Amino acid sequence: PLNSEKVNKENGDGDVKVPKGVKVGVVESKFVCTLEELYRGCKKKLK
């Protein structure tokens, strides 16, 4: 996640510059649910 929208918007030019306190980006990962879980709702724990 070098070219996150957050960084691009703050820099304005699309280049990645990371001043102190600015997030480099985000890490996304799939979270698979069954249709039953999405119907009823549920609580899950993830390590």
ModelCIF file with pLDDT and N, C-alpha, C, O atoms, coordinates in Angstrom:
data_MODEL
#
_entry.id   MODEL 
#
_entity.id                         1 
_entity.type                       polymer 
_entity.pdbx_number_of_molecules   1 
#
_entity_poly.entity_id                      1 
_entity_poly.type                           'polypeptide(L)' 
_entity_poly.nstd_linkage                   no 
_entity_poly.nstd_monomer                   no 
_entity_poly.pdbx_seq_one_letter_code       PLNSEKVNKENGDGDVKVPKGVKVGVVESKFVCTLEELYRGCKKKLK 
_entity_poly.pdbx_seq_one_letter_code_can   PLNSEKVNKENGDGDVKVPKGVKVGVVESKFVCTLEELYRGCKKKLK 
_entity_poly.pdbx_strand_id                 A 
#
loop_
_entity_poly_seq.entity_id 
_entity_poly_seq.num 
_entity_poly_seq.mon_id 
_entity_poly_seq.hetero 
1 1  PRO n 
1 2  LEU n 
1 3  ASN n 
1 4  SER n 
1 5  GLU n 
1 6  LYS n 
1 7  VAL n 
1 8  ASN n 
1 9  LYS n 
1 10 GLU n 
1 11 ASN n 
1 12 GLY n 
1 13 ASP n 
1 14 GLY n 
1 15 ASP n 
1 16 VAL n 
1 17 LYS n 
1 18 VAL n 
1 19 PRO n 
1 20 LYS n 
1 21 GLY n 
1 22 VAL n 
1 23 LYS n 
1 24 VAL n 
1 25 GLY n 
1 26 VAL n 
1 27 VAL n 
1 28 GLU n 
1 29 SER n 
1 30 LYS n 
1 31 PHE n 
1 32 VAL n 
1 33 CYS n 
1 34 THR n 
1 35 LEU n 
1 36 GLU n 
1 37 GLU n 
1 38 LEU n 
1 39 TYR n 
1 40 ARG n 
1 41 GLY n 
1 42 CYS n 
1 43 LYS n 
1 44 LYS n 
1 45 LYS n 
1 46 LEU n 
1 47 LYS n 
#
_struct_asym.id          A 
_struct_asym.entity_id   1 
#
loop_
_ma_qa_metric.id 
_ma_qa_metric.mode 
_ma_qa_metric.name 
_ma_qa_metric.software_group_id 
_ma_qa_metric.type 
1 global pLDDT . pLDDT 
2 local  pLDDT . pLDDT 
#
_ma_qa_metric_global.metric_id      1 
_ma_qa_metric_global.metric_value   62.02 
_ma_qa_metric_global.model_id       1 
_ma_qa_metric_global.ordinal_id     1 
#
loop_
_ma_qa_metric_local.label_asym_id 
_ma_qa_metric_local.label_comp_id 
_ma_qa_metric_local.label_seq_id 
_ma_qa_metric_local.metric_id 
_ma_qa_metric_local.metric_value 
_ma_qa_metric_local.model_id 
_ma_qa_metric_local.ordinal_id 
A PRO 1  2 54.00 1 1  
A LEU 2  2 40.00 1 2  
A ASN 3  2 38.00 1 3  
A SER 4  2 36.00 1 4  
A GLU 5  2 37.00 1 5  
A LYS 6  2 35.00 1 6  
A VAL 7  2 32.00 1 7  
A ASN 8  2 33.00 1 8  
A LYS 9  2 35.00 1 9  
A GLU 10 2 35.00 1 10 
A ASN 11 2 34.00 1 11 
A GLY 12 2 33.00 1 12 
A ASP 13 2 35.00 1 13 
A GLY 14 2 31.00 1 14 
A ASP 15 2 36.00 1 15 
A VAL 16 2 32.00 1 16 
A LYS 17 2 35.00 1 17 
A VAL 18 2 33.00 1 18 
A PRO 19 2 38.00 1 19 
A LYS 20 2 40.00 1 20 
A GLY 21 2 42.00 1 21 
A VAL 22 2 40.00 1 22 
A LYS 23 2 46.00 1 23 
A VAL 24 2 49.00 1 24 
A GLY 25 2 60.00 1 25 
A VAL 26 2 67.00 1 26 
A VAL 27 2 72.00 1 27 
A GLU 28 2 79.00 1 28 
A SER 29 2 83.00 1 29 
A LYS 30 2 86.00 1 30 
A PHE 31 2 88.00 1 31 
A VAL 32 2 91.00 1 32 
A CYS 33 2 93.00 1 33 
A THR 34 2 95.00 1 34 
A LEU 35 2 96.00 1 35 
A GLU 36 2 96.00 1 36 
A GLU 37 2 95.00 1 37 
A LEU 38 2 96.00 1 38 
A TYR 39 2 96.00 1 39 
A ARG 40 2 95.00 1 40 
A GLY 41 2 94.00 1 41 
A CYS 42 2 93.00 1 42 
A LYS 43 2 92.00 1 43 
A LYS 44 2 90.00 1 44 
A LYS 45 2 88.00 1 45 
A LEU 46 2 86.00 1 46 
A LYS 47 2 85.00 1 47 
#
loop_
_atom_site.group_PDB 
_atom_site.id 
_atom_site.type_symbol 
_atom_site.label_atom_id 
_atom_site.label_alt_id 
_atom_site.label_comp_id 
_atom_site.label_asym_id 
_atom_site.label_entity_id 
_atom_site.label_seq_id 
_atom_site.pdbx_PDB_ins_code 
_atom_site.Cartn_x 
_atom_site.Cartn_y 
_atom_site.Cartn_z 
_atom_site.occupancy 
_atom_site.B_iso_or_equiv 
_atom_site.pdbx_formal_charge 
_atom_site.auth_seq_id 
_atom_site.auth_comp_id 
_atom_site.auth_asym_id 
_atom_site.auth_atom_id 
_atom_site.pdbx_PDB_model_num 
ATOM 1   N N  . PRO A 1 1  ? 0.807   -1.230  0.000  1.00 54.00 ? 1  PRO A N  1 
ATOM 2   C CA . PRO A 1 1  ? 0.000   0.000   0.000  1.00 54.00 ? 1  PRO A CA 1 
ATOM 3   C C  . PRO A 1 1  ? 0.835   1.273   0.000  1.00 54.00 ? 1  PRO A C  1 
ATOM 4   O O  . PRO A 1 1  ? 0.745   2.084   0.921  1.00 54.00 ? 1  PRO A O  1 
ATOM 5   N N  . LEU A 1 2  ? 1.652   1.442   -1.044 1.00 40.00 ? 2  LEU A N  1 
ATOM 6   C CA . LEU A 1 2  ? 2.426   2.677   -1.126 1.00 40.00 ? 2  LEU A CA 1 
ATOM 7   C C  . LEU A 1 2  ? 1.592   3.850   -1.616 1.00 40.00 ? 2  LEU A C  1 
ATOM 8   O O  . LEU A 1 2  ? 1.726   4.968   -1.118 1.00 40.00 ? 2  LEU A O  1 
ATOM 9   N N  . ASN A 1 3  ? 0.726   3.588   -2.601 1.00 38.00 ? 3  ASN A N  1 
ATOM 10  C CA . ASN A 1 3  ? 0.004   4.696   -3.215 1.00 38.00 ? 3  ASN A CA 1 
ATOM 11  C C  . ASN A 1 3  ? -1.426  4.792   -2.702 1.00 38.00 ? 3  ASN A C  1 
ATOM 12  O O  . ASN A 1 3  ? -2.367  4.844   -3.494 1.00 38.00 ? 3  ASN A O  1 
ATOM 13  N N  . SER A 1 4  ? -1.594  4.816   -1.407 1.00 36.00 ? 4  SER A N  1 
ATOM 14  C CA . SER A 1 4  ? -2.936  4.904   -0.839 1.00 36.00 ? 4  SER A CA 1 
ATOM 15  C C  . SER A 1 4  ? -3.544  6.266   -1.145 1.00 36.00 ? 4  SER A C  1 
ATOM 16  O O  . SER A 1 4  ? -2.821  7.243   -1.340 1.00 36.00 ? 4  SER A O  1 
ATOM 17  N N  . GLU A 1 5  ? -4.870  6.332   -1.188 1.00 37.00 ? 5  GLU A N  1 
ATOM 18  C CA . GLU A 1 5  ? -5.540  7.592   -1.469 1.00 37.00 ? 5  GLU A CA 1 
ATOM 19  C C  . GLU A 1 5  ? -5.211  8.610   -0.389 1.00 37.00 ? 5  GLU A C  1 
ATOM 20  O O  . GLU A 1 5  ? -5.100  9.804   -0.666 1.00 37.00 ? 5  GLU A O  1 
ATOM 21  N N  . LYS A 1 6  ? -5.056  8.139   0.834  1.00 35.00 ? 6  LYS A N  1 
ATOM 22  C CA . LYS A 1 6  ? -4.784  9.035   1.943  1.00 35.00 ? 6  LYS A CA 1 
ATOM 23  C C  . LYS A 1 6  ? -3.490  9.808   1.715  1.00 35.00 ? 6  LYS A C  1 
ATOM 24  O O  . LYS A 1 6  ? -3.452  11.026  1.889  1.00 35.00 ? 6  LYS A O  1 
ATOM 25  N N  . VAL A 1 7  ? -2.443  9.109   1.329  1.00 32.00 ? 7  VAL A N  1 
ATOM 26  C CA . VAL A 1 7  ? -1.159  9.750   1.096  1.00 32.00 ? 7  VAL A CA 1 
ATOM 27  C C  . VAL A 1 7  ? -1.222  10.627  -0.146 1.00 32.00 ? 7  VAL A C  1 
ATOM 28  O O  . VAL A 1 7  ? -0.716  11.749  -0.140 1.00 32.00 ? 7  VAL A O  1 
ATOM 29  N N  . ASN A 1 8  ? -1.840  10.123  -1.210 1.00 33.00 ? 8  ASN A N  1 
ATOM 30  C CA . ASN A 1 8  ? -1.900  10.878  -2.456 1.00 33.00 ? 8  ASN A CA 1 
ATOM 31  C C  . ASN A 1 8  ? -2.630  12.204  -2.270 1.00 33.00 ? 8  ASN A C  1 
ATOM 32  O O  . ASN A 1 8  ? -2.197  13.232  -2.790 1.00 33.00 ? 8  ASN A O  1 
ATOM 33  N N  . LYS A 1 9  ? -3.739  12.183  -1.526 1.00 35.00 ? 9  LYS A N  1 
ATOM 34  C CA . LYS A 1 9  ? -4.506  13.402  -1.329 1.00 35.00 ? 9  LYS A CA 1 
ATOM 35  C C  . LYS A 1 9  ? -3.715  14.415  -0.509 1.00 35.00 ? 9  LYS A C  1 
ATOM 36  O O  . LYS A 1 9  ? -3.784  15.617  -0.767 1.00 35.00 ? 9  LYS A O  1 
ATOM 37  N N  . GLU A 1 10 ? -2.976  13.939  0.463  1.00 35.00 ? 10 GLU A N  1 
ATOM 38  C CA . GLU A 1 10 ? -2.227  14.857  1.303  1.00 35.00 ? 10 GLU A CA 1 
ATOM 39  C C  . GLU A 1 10 ? -1.045  15.464  0.538  1.00 35.00 ? 10 GLU A C  1 
ATOM 40  O O  . GLU A 1 10 ? -0.684  16.617  0.774  1.00 35.00 ? 10 GLU A O  1 
ATOM 41  N N  . ASN A 1 11 ? -0.451  14.706  -0.361 1.00 34.00 ? 11 ASN A N  1 
ATOM 42  C CA . ASN A 1 11 ? 0.689   15.221  -1.105 1.00 34.00 ? 11 ASN A CA 1 
ATOM 43  C C  . ASN A 1 11 ? 0.258   15.984  -2.350 1.00 34.00 ? 11 ASN A C  1 
ATOM 44  O O  . ASN A 1 11 ? 0.963   16.879  -2.816 1.00 34.00 ? 11 ASN A O  1 
ATOM 45  N N  . GLY A 1 12 ? -0.904  15.624  -2.883 1.00 33.00 ? 12 GLY A N  1 
ATOM 46  C CA . GLY A 1 12 ? -1.443  16.355  -4.012 1.00 33.00 ? 12 GLY A CA 1 
ATOM 47  C C  . GLY A 1 12 ? -0.897  15.946  -5.361 1.00 33.00 ? 12 GLY A C  1 
ATOM 48  O O  . GLY A 1 12 ? -1.561  16.164  -6.374 1.00 33.00 ? 12 GLY A O  1 
ATOM 49  N N  . ASP A 1 13 ? 0.301   15.354  -5.418 1.00 35.00 ? 13 ASP A N  1 
ATOM 50  C CA . ASP A 1 13 ? 0.911   15.057  -6.705 1.00 35.00 ? 13 ASP A CA 1 
ATOM 51  C C  . ASP A 1 13 ? 1.022   13.572  -6.986 1.00 35.00 ? 13 ASP A C  1 
ATOM 52  O O  . ASP A 1 13 ? 1.548   13.183  -8.028 1.00 35.00 ? 13 ASP A O  1 
ATOM 53  N N  . GLY A 1 14 ? 0.531   12.720  -6.070 1.00 31.00 ? 14 GLY A N  1 
ATOM 54  C CA . GLY A 1 14 ? 0.574   11.282  -6.290 1.00 31.00 ? 14 GLY A CA 1 
ATOM 55  C C  . GLY A 1 14 ? 1.880   10.654  -5.887 1.00 31.00 ? 14 GLY A C  1 
ATOM 56  O O  . GLY A 1 14 ? 1.973   9.427   -5.837 1.00 31.00 ? 14 GLY A O  1 
ATOM 57  N N  . ASP A 1 15 ? 2.910   11.453  -5.595 1.00 36.00 ? 15 ASP A N  1 
ATOM 58  C CA . ASP A 1 15 ? 4.178   10.890  -5.147 1.00 36.00 ? 15 ASP A CA 1 
ATOM 59  C C  . ASP A 1 15 ? 4.088   10.548  -3.668 1.00 36.00 ? 15 ASP A C  1 
ATOM 60  O O  . ASP A 1 15 ? 3.363   11.201  -2.918 1.00 36.00 ? 15 ASP A O  1 
ATOM 61  N N  . VAL A 1 16 ? 4.823   9.523   -3.248 1.00 32.00 ? 16 VAL A N  1 
ATOM 62  C CA . VAL A 1 16 ? 4.763   9.072   -1.865 1.00 32.00 ? 16 VAL A CA 1 
ATOM 63  C C  . VAL A 1 16 ? 5.852   9.735   -1.047 1.00 32.00 ? 16 VAL A C  1 
ATOM 64  O O  . VAL A 1 16 ? 7.036   9.440   -1.211 1.00 32.00 ? 16 VAL A O  1 
ATOM 65  N N  . LYS A 1 17 ? 5.443   10.629  -0.168 1.00 35.00 ? 17 LYS A N  1 
ATOM 66  C CA . LYS A 1 17 ? 6.360   11.255  0.780  1.00 35.00 ? 17 LYS A CA 1 
ATOM 67  C C  . LYS A 1 17 ? 5.767   11.022  2.153  1.00 35.00 ? 17 LYS A C  1 
ATOM 68  O O  . LYS A 1 17 ? 4.578   11.261  2.359  1.00 35.00 ? 17 LYS A O  1 
ATOM 69  N N  . VAL A 1 18 ? 6.550   10.571  3.071  1.00 33.00 ? 18 VAL A N  1 
ATOM 70  C CA . VAL A 1 18 ? 5.992   10.165  4.354  1.00 33.00 ? 18 VAL A CA 1 
ATOM 71  C C  . VAL A 1 18 ? 6.557   11.035  5.464  1.00 33.00 ? 18 VAL A C  1 
ATOM 72  O O  . VAL A 1 18 ? 7.553   10.658  6.082  1.00 33.00 ? 18 VAL A O  1 
ATOM 73  N N  . PRO A 1 19 ? 5.952   12.189  5.738  1.00 38.00 ? 19 PRO A N  1 
ATOM 74  C CA . PRO A 1 19 ? 6.380   12.985  6.872  1.00 38.00 ? 19 PRO A CA 1 
ATOM 75  C C  . PRO A 1 19 ? 5.970   12.322  8.168  1.00 38.00 ? 19 PRO A C  1 
ATOM 76  O O  . PRO A 1 19 ? 5.181   11.377  8.159  1.00 38.00 ? 19 PRO A O  1 
ATOM 77  N N  . LYS A 1 20 ? 6.480   12.789  9.252  1.00 40.00 ? 20 LYS A N  1 
ATOM 78  C CA . LYS A 1 20 ? 6.231   12.164  10.548 1.00 40.00 ? 20 LYS A CA 1 
ATOM 79  C C  . LYS A 1 20 ? 4.739   12.143  10.844 1.00 40.00 ? 20 LYS A C  1 
ATOM 80  O O  . LYS A 1 20 ? 4.050   13.154  10.709 1.00 40.00 ? 20 LYS A O  1 
ATOM 81  N N  . GLY A 1 21 ? 4.248   10.969  11.250 1.00 42.00 ? 21 GLY A N  1 
ATOM 82  C CA . GLY A 1 21 ? 2.861   10.819  11.657 1.00 42.00 ? 21 GLY A CA 1 
ATOM 83  C C  . GLY A 1 21 ? 1.894   10.490  10.549 1.00 42.00 ? 21 GLY A C  1 
ATOM 84  O O  . GLY A 1 21 ? 0.719   10.241  10.821 1.00 42.00 ? 21 GLY A O  1 
ATOM 85  N N  . VAL A 1 22 ? 2.348   10.479  9.290  1.00 40.00 ? 22 VAL A N  1 
ATOM 86  C CA . VAL A 1 22 ? 1.451   10.159  8.172  1.00 40.00 ? 22 VAL A CA 1 
ATOM 87  C C  . VAL A 1 22 ? 1.484   8.671   7.897  1.00 40.00 ? 22 VAL A C  1 
ATOM 88  O O  . VAL A 1 22 ? 2.552   8.059   7.870  1.00 40.00 ? 22 VAL A O  1 
ATOM 89  N N  . LYS A 1 23 ? 0.314   8.089   7.694  1.00 46.00 ? 23 LYS A N  1 
ATOM 90  C CA . LYS A 1 23 ? 0.241   6.651   7.437  1.00 46.00 ? 23 LYS A CA 1 
ATOM 91  C C  . LYS A 1 23 ? 0.791   6.342   6.053  1.00 46.00 ? 23 LYS A C  1 
ATOM 92  O O  . LYS A 1 23 ? 0.519   7.077   5.105  1.00 46.00 ? 23 LYS A O  1 
ATOM 93  N N  . VAL A 1 24 ? 1.561   5.265   5.922  1.00 49.00 ? 24 VAL A N  1 
ATOM 94  C CA . VAL A 1 24 ? 2.039   4.832   4.615  1.00 49.00 ? 24 VAL A CA 1 
ATOM 95  C C  . VAL A 1 24 ? 0.874   4.356   3.774  1.00 49.00 ? 24 VAL A C  1 
ATOM 96  O O  . VAL A 1 24 ? 0.870   4.579   2.563  1.00 49.00 ? 24 VAL A O  1 
ATOM 97  N N  . GLY A 1 25 ? -0.107  3.714   4.365  1.00 60.00 ? 25 GLY A N  1 
ATOM 98  C CA . GLY A 1 25 ? -1.237  3.227   3.588  1.00 60.00 ? 25 GLY A CA 1 
ATOM 99  C C  . GLY A 1 25 ? -2.090  2.295   4.417  1.00 60.00 ? 25 GLY A C  1 
ATOM 100 O O  . GLY A 1 25 ? -2.160  2.403   5.641  1.00 60.00 ? 25 GLY A O  1 
ATOM 101 N N  . VAL A 1 26 ? -2.731  1.383   3.724  1.00 67.00 ? 26 VAL A N  1 
ATOM 102 C CA . VAL A 1 26 ? -3.595  0.421   4.390  1.00 67.00 ? 26 VAL A CA 1 
ATOM 103 C C  . VAL A 1 26 ? -3.283  -0.961  3.869  1.00 67.00 ? 26 VAL A C  1 
ATOM 104 O O  . VAL A 1 26 ? -2.769  -1.126  2.762  1.00 67.00 ? 26 VAL A O  1 
ATOM 105 N N  . VAL A 1 27 ? -3.598  -1.947  4.677  1.00 72.00 ? 27 VAL A N  1 
ATOM 106 C CA . VAL A 1 27 ? -3.460  -3.341  4.270  1.00 72.00 ? 27 VAL A CA 1 
ATOM 107 C C  . VAL A 1 27 ? -4.852  -3.945  4.245  1.00 72.00 ? 27 VAL A C  1 
ATOM 108 O O  . VAL A 1 27 ? -5.542  -3.969  5.263  1.00 72.00 ? 27 VAL A O  1 
ATOM 109 N N  . GLU A 1 28 ? -5.267  -4.435  3.078  1.00 79.00 ? 28 GLU A N  1 
ATOM 110 C CA . GLU A 1 28 ? -6.585  -5.038  2.933  1.00 79.00 ? 28 GLU A CA 1 
ATOM 111 C C  . GLU A 1 28 ? -6.462  -6.549  2.809  1.00 79.00 ? 28 GLU A C  1 
ATOM 112 O O  . GLU A 1 28 ? -5.515  -7.065  2.214  1.00 79.00 ? 28 GLU A O  1 
ATOM 113 N N  . SER A 1 29 ? -7.435  -7.249  3.381  1.00 83.00 ? 29 SER A N  1 
ATOM 114 C CA . SER A 1 29 ? -7.454  -8.699  3.309  1.00 83.00 ? 29 SER A CA 1 
ATOM 115 C C  . SER A 1 29 ? -8.898  -9.171  3.236  1.00 83.00 ? 29 SER A C  1 
ATOM 116 O O  . SER A 1 29 ? -9.785  -8.569  3.842  1.00 83.00 ? 29 SER A O  1 
ATOM 117 N N  . LYS A 1 30 ? -9.136  -10.255 2.491  1.00 86.00 ? 30 LYS A N  1 
ATOM 118 C CA . LYS A 1 30 ? -10.486 -10.806 2.393  1.00 86.00 ? 30 LYS A CA 1 
ATOM 119 C C  . LYS A 1 30 ? -10.930 -11.407 3.718  1.00 86.00 ? 30 LYS A C  1 
ATOM 120 O O  . LYS A 1 30 ? -10.130 -11.981 4.457  1.00 86.00 ? 30 LYS A O  1 
ATOM 121 N N  . PHE A 1 31 ? -12.228 -11.265 4.006  1.00 88.00 ? 31 PHE A N  1 
ATOM 122 C CA . PHE A 1 31 ? -12.823 -11.858 5.198  1.00 88.00 ? 31 PHE A CA 1 
ATOM 123 C C  . PHE A 1 31 ? -14.053 -12.630 4.735  1.00 88.00 ? 31 PHE A C  1 
ATOM 124 O O  . PHE A 1 31 ? -15.111 -12.044 4.507  1.00 88.00 ? 31 PHE A O  1 
ATOM 125 N N  . VAL A 1 32 ? -13.911 -13.948 4.598  1.00 91.00 ? 32 VAL A N  1 
ATOM 126 C CA . VAL A 1 32 ? -14.962 -14.776 3.998  1.00 91.00 ? 32 VAL A CA 1 
ATOM 127 C C  . VAL A 1 32 ? -16.036 -15.120 5.028  1.00 91.00 ? 32 VAL A C  1 
ATOM 128 O O  . VAL A 1 32 ? -15.741 -15.581 6.130  1.00 91.00 ? 32 VAL A O  1 
ATOM 129 N N  . CYS A 1 33 ? -17.290 -14.883 4.639  1.00 93.00 ? 33 CYS A N  1 
ATOM 130 C CA . CYS A 1 33 ? -18.438 -15.220 5.492  1.00 93.00 ? 33 CYS A CA 1 
ATOM 131 C C  . CYS A 1 33 ? -19.410 -16.093 4.704  1.00 93.00 ? 33 CYS A C  1 
ATOM 132 O O  . CYS A 1 33 ? -19.522 -15.982 3.483  1.00 93.00 ? 33 CYS A O  1 
ATOM 133 N N  . THR A 1 34 ? -20.106 -16.956 5.425  1.00 95.00 ? 34 THR A N  1 
ATOM 134 C CA . THR A 1 34 ? -21.152 -17.744 4.778  1.00 95.00 ? 34 THR A CA 1 
ATOM 135 C C  . THR A 1 34 ? -22.390 -16.876 4.627  1.00 95.00 ? 34 THR A C  1 
ATOM 136 O O  . THR A 1 34 ? -22.518 -15.843 5.284  1.00 95.00 ? 34 THR A O  1 
ATOM 137 N N  . LEU A 1 35 ? -23.292 -17.295 3.768  1.00 96.00 ? 35 LEU A N  1 
ATOM 138 C CA . LEU A 1 35 ? -24.530 -16.548 3.563  1.00 96.00 ? 35 LEU A CA 1 
ATOM 139 C C  . LEU A 1 35 ? -25.371 -16.552 4.839  1.00 96.00 ? 35 LEU A C  1 
ATOM 140 O O  . LEU A 1 35 ? -26.065 -15.582 5.143  1.00 96.00 ? 35 LEU A O  1 
ATOM 141 N N  . GLU A 1 36 ? -25.296 -17.656 5.578  1.00 96.00 ? 36 GLU A N  1 
ATOM 142 C CA . GLU A 1 36 ? -26.024 -17.718 6.858  1.00 96.00 ? 36 GLU A CA 1 
ATOM 143 C C  . GLU A 1 36 ? -25.505 -16.672 7.836  1.00 96.00 ? 36 GLU A C  1 
ATOM 144 O O  . GLU A 1 36 ? -26.286 -16.020 8.529  1.00 96.00 ? 36 GLU A O  1 
ATOM 145 N N  . GLU A 1 37 ? -24.195 -16.515 7.891  1.00 95.00 ? 37 GLU A N  1 
ATOM 146 C CA . GLU A 1 37 ? -23.607 -15.516 8.800  1.00 95.00 ? 37 GLU A CA 1 
ATOM 147 C C  . GLU A 1 37 ? -24.001 -14.100 8.409  1.00 95.00 ? 37 GLU A C  1 
ATOM 148 O O  . GLU A 1 37 ? -24.243 -13.258 9.274  1.00 95.00 ? 37 GLU A O  1 
ATOM 149 N N  . LEU A 1 38 ? -24.064 -13.835 7.111  1.00 96.00 ? 38 LEU A N  1 
ATOM 150 C CA . LEU A 1 38 ? -24.452 -12.512 6.650  1.00 96.00 ? 38 LEU A CA 1 
ATOM 151 C C  . LEU A 1 38 ? -25.957 -12.292 6.815  1.00 96.00 ? 38 LEU A C  1 
ATOM 152 O O  . LEU A 1 38 ? -26.407 -11.147 6.876  1.00 96.00 ? 38 LEU A O  1 
ATOM 153 N N  . TYR A 1 39 ? -26.730 -13.356 6.886  1.00 96.00 ? 39 TYR A N  1 
ATOM 154 C CA . TYR A 1 39 ? -28.172 -13.240 7.097  1.00 96.00 ? 39 TYR A CA 1 
ATOM 155 C C  . TYR A 1 39 ? -28.474 -12.963 8.573  1.00 96.00 ? 39 TYR A C  1 
ATOM 156 O O  . TYR A 1 39 ? -29.224 -12.045 8.905  1.00 96.00 ? 39 TYR A O  1 
ATOM 157 N N  . ARG A 1 40 ? -27.884 -13.763 9.436  1.00 95.00 ? 40 ARG A N  1 
ATOM 158 C CA . ARG A 1 40 ? -28.187 -13.648 10.870 1.00 95.00 ? 40 ARG A CA 1 
ATOM 159 C C  . ARG A 1 40 ? -27.345 -12.595 11.567 1.00 95.00 ? 40 ARG A C  1 
ATOM 160 O O  . ARG A 1 40 ? -27.772 -11.998 12.555 1.00 95.00 ? 40 ARG A O  1 
ATOM 161 N N  . GLY A 1 41 ? -26.133 -12.369 11.042 1.00 94.00 ? 41 GLY A N  1 
ATOM 162 C CA . GLY A 1 41 ? -25.159 -11.579 11.784 1.00 94.00 ? 41 GLY A CA 1 
ATOM 163 C C  . GLY A 1 41 ? -24.444 -12.476 12.780 1.00 94.00 ? 41 GLY A C  1 
ATOM 164 O O  . GLY A 1 41 ? -25.010 -13.476 13.223 1.00 94.00 ? 41 GLY A O  1 
ATOM 165 N N  . CYS A 1 42 ? -23.237 -12.147 13.133 1.00 93.00 ? 42 CYS A N  1 
ATOM 166 C CA . CYS A 1 42 ? -22.490 -12.973 14.084 1.00 93.00 ? 42 CYS A CA 1 
ATOM 167 C C  . CYS A 1 42 ? -21.289 -12.194 14.596 1.00 93.00 ? 42 CYS A C  1 
ATOM 168 O O  . CYS A 1 42 ? -20.967 -11.116 14.096 1.00 93.00 ? 42 CYS A O  1 
ATOM 169 N N  . LYS A 1 43 ? -20.644 -12.750 15.588 1.00 92.00 ? 43 LYS A N  1 
ATOM 170 C CA . LYS A 1 43 ? -19.418 -12.181 16.137 1.00 92.00 ? 43 LYS A CA 1 
ATOM 171 C C  . LYS A 1 43 ? -18.286 -13.172 15.894 1.00 92.00 ? 43 LYS A C  1 
ATOM 172 O O  . LYS A 1 43 ? -18.433 -14.367 16.149 1.00 92.00 ? 43 LYS A O  1 
ATOM 173 N N  . LYS A 1 44 ? -17.159 -12.670 15.401 1.00 90.00 ? 44 LYS A N  1 
ATOM 174 C CA . LYS A 1 44 ? -16.011 -13.528 15.127 1.00 90.00 ? 44 LYS A CA 1 
ATOM 175 C C  . LYS A 1 44 ? -14.760 -12.952 15.761 1.00 90.00 ? 44 LYS A C  1 
ATOM 176 O O  . LYS A 1 44 ? -14.639 -11.746 15.975 1.00 90.00 ? 44 LYS A O  1 
ATOM 177 N N  . LYS A 1 45 ? -13.836 -13.850 16.053 1.00 88.00 ? 45 LYS A N  1 
ATOM 178 C CA . LYS A 1 45 ? -12.532 -13.447 16.558 1.00 88.00 ? 45 LYS A CA 1 
ATOM 179 C C  . LYS A 1 45 ? -11.479 -13.843 15.541 1.00 88.00 ? 45 LYS A C  1 
ATOM 180 O O  . LYS A 1 45 ? -11.554 -14.915 14.939 1.00 88.00 ? 45 LYS A O  1 
ATOM 181 N N  . LEU A 1 46 ? -10.508 -12.983 15.355 1.00 86.00 ? 46 LEU A N  1 
ATOM 182 C CA . LEU A 1 46 ? -9.475  -13.219 14.358 1.00 86.00 ? 46 LEU A CA 1 
ATOM 183 C C  . LEU A 1 46 ? -8.114  -12.858 14.945 1.00 86.00 ? 46 LEU A C  1 
ATOM 184 O O  . LEU A 1 46 ? -7.908  -11.752 15.443 1.00 86.00 ? 46 LEU A O  1 
ATOM 185 N N  . LYS A 1 47 ? -7.191  -13.815 14.875 1.00 85.00 ? 47 LYS A N  1 
ATOM 186 C CA . LYS A 1 47 ? -5.844  -13.565 15.389 1.00 85.00 ? 47 LYS A CA 1 
ATOM 187 C C  . LYS A 1 47 ? -4.984  -12.984 14.273 1.00 85.00 ? 47 LYS A C  1 
ATOM 188 O O  . LYS A 1 47 ? -3.806  -12.697 14.488 1.00 85.00 ? 47 LYS A O  1 
#
